[in-house]
């Protein structure tokens, strides 16, 4: 099955409501989506990891990604850092939903997985393949700070 990229303007009822609520007038004028928009309404866990971190934290995170996969937990992330990329590889071995929010163009294909259980959303339009600092900061703006004691 071949899915098409969709550009969804801010005034479209399909535009992510939480994004509009959280950012108000600062929400992007449109988002580009690929996959099942209904996944945005499902309970999900955000994976947001620094490019630099201690080894023990990396192993704990890989174990947690396997638990999320095995319990069917939907995970949302940009999957940019090396730890996030490894977690994506772990998650792709399962059948749970995955939401990819890159600070660059939406991937047209995710290796090893049917696109039906994956949704990708970005505020970048066109063929943007690099992850510049400004785009990363804009992408991360809607992410709430984690509570102490949570992964």
C-alpha atoms as a PDB file:
ATOM      1  CA  UNK A   1       0.000   0.000   0.000  1.00  0.00           C
ATOM      2  CA  UNK A   2       1.387   3.393  -0.989  1.00  0.00           C
ATOM      3  CA  UNK A   3       0.563   6.362   1.231  1.00  0.00           C
ATOM      4  CA  UNK A   4       0.803   9.963   0.124  1.00  0.00           C
ATOM      5  CA  UNK A   5       2.308  12.866   2.025  1.00  0.00           C
ATOM      6  CA  UNK A   6      -0.399  15.253   3.201  1.00  0.00           C
ATOM      7  CA  UNK A   7       0.100  18.951   3.899  1.00  0.00           C
ATOM      8  CA  UNK A   8      -2.350  19.895   6.631  1.00  0.00           C
ATOM      9  CA  UNK A   9      -2.865  23.646   7.217  1.00  0.00           C
ATOM     10  CA  UNK A  10      -3.371  24.979  10.757  1.00  0.00           C
ATOM     11  CA  UNK A  11      -7.037  25.800  10.081  1.00  0.00           C
ATOM     12  CA  UNK A  12      -7.797  22.233   8.916  1.00  0.00           C
ATOM     13  CA  UNK A  13      -9.770  20.189  11.494  1.00  0.00           C
ATOM     14  CA  UNK A  14      -7.234  17.351  11.005  1.00  0.00           C
ATOM     15  CA  UNK A  15      -4.369  19.585  12.228  1.00  0.00           C
ATOM     16  CA  UNK A  16      -3.086  18.102  15.535  1.00  0.00           C
ATOM     17  CA  UNK A  17      -5.261  19.692  18.226  1.00  0.00           C
ATOM     18  CA  UNK A  18      -2.628  19.345  20.981  1.00  0.00           C
ATOM     19  CA  UNK A  19      -0.096  21.179  18.826  1.00  0.00           C
ATOM     20  CA  UNK A  20      -2.565  24.006  18.227  1.00  0.00           C
ATOM     21  CA  UNK A  21      -3.527  24.116  21.942  1.00  0.00           C
ATOM     22  CA  UNK A  22       0.061  24.143  23.182  1.00  0.00           C
ATOM     23  CA  UNK A  23       1.558  26.602  20.680  1.00  0.00           C
ATOM     24  CA  UNK A  24      -1.467  28.755  19.837  1.00  0.00           C
ATOM     25  CA  UNK A  25      -0.526  31.371  17.242  1.00  0.00           C
ATOM     26  CA  UNK A  26       3.037  30.013  17.224  1.00  0.00           C
ATOM     27  CA  UNK A  27       1.897  26.671  15.819  1.00  0.00           C
ATOM     28  CA  UNK A  28       3.366  26.041  12.372  1.00  0.00           C
ATOM     29  CA  UNK A  29       1.189  27.244   9.493  1.00  0.00           C
ATOM     30  CA  UNK A  30       1.010  23.666   8.268  1.00  0.00           C
ATOM     31  CA  UNK A  31       2.380  20.208   8.997  1.00  0.00           C
ATOM     32  CA  UNK A  32       3.293  17.410   6.636  1.00  0.00           C
ATOM     33  CA  UNK A  33       1.956  13.987   7.582  1.00  0.00           C
ATOM     34  CA  UNK A  34       2.314  10.434   6.339  1.00  0.00           C
ATOM     35  CA  UNK A  35       0.311   7.546   7.747  1.00  0.00           C
ATOM     36  CA  UNK A  36      -2.583   7.145  10.140  1.00  0.00           C
ATOM     37  CA  UNK A  37      -3.582  10.502  11.708  1.00  0.00           C
ATOM     38  CA  UNK A  38      -5.650   8.635  14.322  1.00  0.00           C
ATOM     39  CA  UNK A  39      -2.417   7.547  16.043  1.00  0.00           C
ATOM     40  CA  UNK A  40      -2.069  11.085  17.420  1.00  0.00           C
ATOM     41  CA  UNK A  41      -5.136  10.503  19.595  1.00  0.00           C
ATOM     42  CA  UNK A  42      -3.710   7.340  21.177  1.00  0.00           C
ATOM     43  CA  UNK A  43      -1.866   7.323  24.518  1.00  0.00           C
ATOM     44  CA  UNK A  44       1.834   7.693  23.824  1.00  0.00           C
ATOM     45  CA  UNK A  45       5.223   8.040  25.448  1.00  0.00           C
ATOM     46  CA  UNK A  46       7.749  10.591  24.198  1.00  0.00           C
ATOM     47  CA  UNK A  47      11.346   9.493  23.754  1.00  0.00           C
ATOM     48  CA  UNK A  48      13.670  12.483  23.910  1.00  0.00           C
ATOM     49  CA  UNK A  49      17.357  11.741  24.438  1.00  0.00           C
ATOM     50  CA  UNK A  50      20.515  13.810  24.488  1.00  0.00           C
ATOM     51  CA  UNK A  51      23.315  13.150  22.042  1.00  0.00           C
ATOM     52  CA  UNK A  52      25.645  12.783  25.067  1.00  0.00           C
ATOM     53  CA  UNK A  53      24.749  10.579  27.991  1.00  0.00           C
ATOM     54  CA  UNK A  54      26.282   8.020  30.389  1.00  0.00           C
ATOM     55  CA  UNK A  55      26.564   4.400  29.243  1.00  0.00           C
ATOM     56  CA  UNK A  56      24.329   3.064  32.025  1.00  0.00           C
ATOM     57  CA  UNK A  57      21.519   5.388  30.906  1.00  0.00           C
ATOM     58  CA  UNK A  58      21.864   4.101  27.337  1.00  0.00           C
ATOM     59  CA  UNK A  59      21.463   0.467  28.410  1.00  0.00           C
ATOM     60  CA  UNK A  60      18.480   1.335  30.628  1.00  0.00           C
ATOM     61  CA  UNK A  61      16.859   3.181  27.734  1.00  0.00           C
ATOM     62  CA  UNK A  62      17.343   0.242  25.346  1.00  0.00           C
ATOM     63  CA  UNK A  63      15.731  -2.058  27.915  1.00  0.00           C
ATOM     64  CA  UNK A  64      12.832   0.380  28.321  1.00  0.00           C
ATOM     65  CA  UNK A  65      12.330   0.566  24.533  1.00  0.00           C
ATOM     66  CA  UNK A  66      12.064  -3.238  24.459  1.00  0.00           C
ATOM     67  CA  UNK A  67       9.449  -3.095  27.256  1.00  0.00           C
ATOM     68  CA  UNK A  68       7.448  -0.484  25.334  1.00  0.00           C
ATOM     69  CA  UNK A  69       7.655  -2.669  22.226  1.00  0.00           C
ATOM     70  CA  UNK A  70       6.574  -5.800  24.110  1.00  0.00           C
ATOM     71  CA  UNK A  71       3.628  -4.061  25.820  1.00  0.00           C
ATOM     72  CA  UNK A  72       2.439  -2.370  22.608  1.00  0.00           C
ATOM     73  CA  UNK A  73       3.088   1.174  23.877  1.00  0.00           C
ATOM     74  CA  UNK A  74       2.966   3.898  21.209  1.00  0.00           C
ATOM     75  CA  UNK A  75       6.232   5.894  21.209  1.00  0.00           C
ATOM     76  CA  UNK A  76       6.717   9.351  19.704  1.00  0.00           C
ATOM     77  CA  UNK A  77      10.160  10.810  18.915  1.00  0.00           C
ATOM     78  CA  UNK A  78      12.264  12.533  16.299  1.00  0.00           C
ATOM     79  CA  UNK A  79      14.639   9.547  16.429  1.00  0.00           C
ATOM     80  CA  UNK A  80      17.658  11.781  15.735  1.00  0.00           C
ATOM     81  CA  UNK A  81      20.260  10.984  18.418  1.00  0.00           C
ATOM     82  CA  UNK A  82      22.156   7.699  18.240  1.00  0.00           C
ATOM     83  CA  UNK A  83      20.264   6.395  21.310  1.00  0.00           C
ATOM     84  CA  UNK A  84      16.905   7.335  19.740  1.00  0.00           C
ATOM     85  CA  UNK A  85      17.912   5.634  16.476  1.00  0.00           C
ATOM     86  CA  UNK A  86      18.798   2.426  18.305  1.00  0.00           C
ATOM     87  CA  UNK A  87      15.487   2.594  20.171  1.00  0.00           C
ATOM     88  CA  UNK A  88      13.715   2.935  16.805  1.00  0.00           C
ATOM     89  CA  UNK A  89      15.462  -0.237  15.619  1.00  0.00           C
ATOM     90  CA  UNK A  90      14.253  -2.009  18.779  1.00  0.00           C
ATOM     91  CA  UNK A  91      10.704  -0.674  18.364  1.00  0.00           C
ATOM     92  CA  UNK A  92      10.558  -1.653  14.692  1.00  0.00           C
ATOM     93  CA  UNK A  93      10.816  -5.304  15.752  1.00  0.00           C
ATOM     94  CA  UNK A  94       7.338  -5.019  17.296  1.00  0.00           C
ATOM     95  CA  UNK A  95       3.890  -4.226  16.007  1.00  0.00           C
ATOM     96  CA  UNK A  96       3.044  -1.273  18.287  1.00  0.00           C
ATOM     97  CA  UNK A  97       2.386   2.161  16.757  1.00  0.00           C
ATOM     98  CA  UNK A  98       5.336   4.520  16.290  1.00  0.00           C
ATOM     99  CA  UNK A  99       5.068   8.260  15.650  1.00  0.00           C
ATOM    100  CA  UNK A 100       8.106   9.868  14.025  1.00  0.00           C
ATOM    101  CA  UNK A 101       8.402  13.676  14.275  1.00  0.00           C
ATOM    102  CA  UNK A 102      11.611  14.623  12.475  1.00  0.00           C
ATOM    103  CA  UNK A 103      13.031  18.148  12.361  1.00  0.00           C
ATOM    104  CA  UNK A 104      13.469  17.521   8.656  1.00  0.00           C
ATOM    105  CA  UNK A 105      11.505  15.918   5.821  1.00  0.00           C
ATOM    106  CA  UNK A 106       9.098  13.079   6.572  1.00  0.00           C
ATOM    107  CA  UNK A 107      10.715   9.730   5.715  1.00  0.00           C
ATOM    108  CA  UNK A 108       9.011   8.083   2.763  1.00  0.00           C
ATOM    109  CA  UNK A 109       9.955   4.610   3.967  1.00  0.00           C
ATOM    110  CA  UNK A 110      10.897   3.028   7.276  1.00  0.00           C
ATOM    111  CA  UNK A 111      13.052  -0.088   6.798  1.00  0.00           C
ATOM    112  CA  UNK A 112      11.651  -3.346   8.115  1.00  0.00           C
ATOM    113  CA  UNK A 113       8.121  -2.192   8.869  1.00  0.00           C
ATOM    114  CA  UNK A 114       4.834  -1.630   7.102  1.00  0.00           C
ATOM    115  CA  UNK A 115       3.970   2.076   7.201  1.00  0.00           C
ATOM    116  CA  UNK A 116       0.396   1.354   8.446  1.00  0.00           C
ATOM    117  CA  UNK A 117       1.460   1.298  12.114  1.00  0.00           C
ATOM    118  CA  UNK A 118       3.693   4.318  11.761  1.00  0.00           C
ATOM    119  CA  UNK A 119       2.730   7.953  11.558  1.00  0.00           C
ATOM    120  CA  UNK A 120       5.190  10.682  10.699  1.00  0.00           C
ATOM    121  CA  UNK A 121       4.600  14.380  11.266  1.00  0.00           C
ATOM    122  CA  UNK A 122       6.838  17.375  10.635  1.00  0.00           C
ATOM    123  CA  UNK A 123       6.557  21.150  10.439  1.00  0.00           C
ATOM    124  CA  UNK A 124       9.270  21.148   7.729  1.00  0.00           C
ATOM    125  CA  UNK A 125       8.061  21.308   4.177  1.00  0.00           C
ATOM    126  CA  UNK A 126       9.694  20.177   0.991  1.00  0.00           C
ATOM    127  CA  UNK A 127      12.897  18.203   0.851  1.00  0.00           C
ATOM    128  CA  UNK A 128      14.652  19.244   4.058  1.00  0.00           C
ATOM    129  CA  UNK A 129      17.075  16.477   4.987  1.00  0.00           C
ATOM    130  CA  UNK A 130      19.374  18.152   7.499  1.00  0.00           C
ATOM    131  CA  UNK A 131      18.592  18.750  11.145  1.00  0.00           C
ATOM    132  CA  UNK A 132      19.654  22.361  11.763  1.00  0.00           C
ATOM    133  CA  UNK A 133      19.695  23.728  15.317  1.00  0.00           C
ATOM    134  CA  UNK A 134      16.861  26.201  14.661  1.00  0.00           C
ATOM    135  CA  UNK A 135      14.596  23.460  13.272  1.00  0.00           C
ATOM    136  CA  UNK A 136      15.404  21.174  16.204  1.00  0.00           C
ATOM    137  CA  UNK A 137      14.528  23.892  18.709  1.00  0.00           C
ATOM    138  CA  UNK A 138      11.255  24.610  16.905  1.00  0.00           C
ATOM    139  CA  UNK A 139      10.437  20.886  16.779  1.00  0.00           C
ATOM    140  CA  UNK A 140      11.161  20.465  20.491  1.00  0.00           C
ATOM    141  CA  UNK A 141       9.071  23.478  21.582  1.00  0.00           C
ATOM    142  CA  UNK A 142       5.856  21.474  22.172  1.00  0.00           C
ATOM    143  CA  UNK A 143       7.629  18.853  24.299  1.00  0.00           C
ATOM    144  CA  UNK A 144       6.888  19.230  28.008  1.00  0.00           C
ATOM    145  CA  UNK A 145       9.764  18.752  30.417  1.00  0.00           C
ATOM    146  CA  UNK A 146       9.902  15.227  31.853  1.00  0.00           C
ATOM    147  CA  UNK A 147       8.868  14.710  35.445  1.00  0.00           C
ATOM    148  CA  UNK A 148      11.614  13.620  37.844  1.00  0.00           C
ATOM    149  CA  UNK A 149      11.926   9.856  37.996  1.00  0.00           C
ATOM    150  CA  UNK A 150      10.471   9.269  34.553  1.00  0.00           C
ATOM    151  CA  UNK A 151      12.470   7.982  31.644  1.00  0.00           C
END
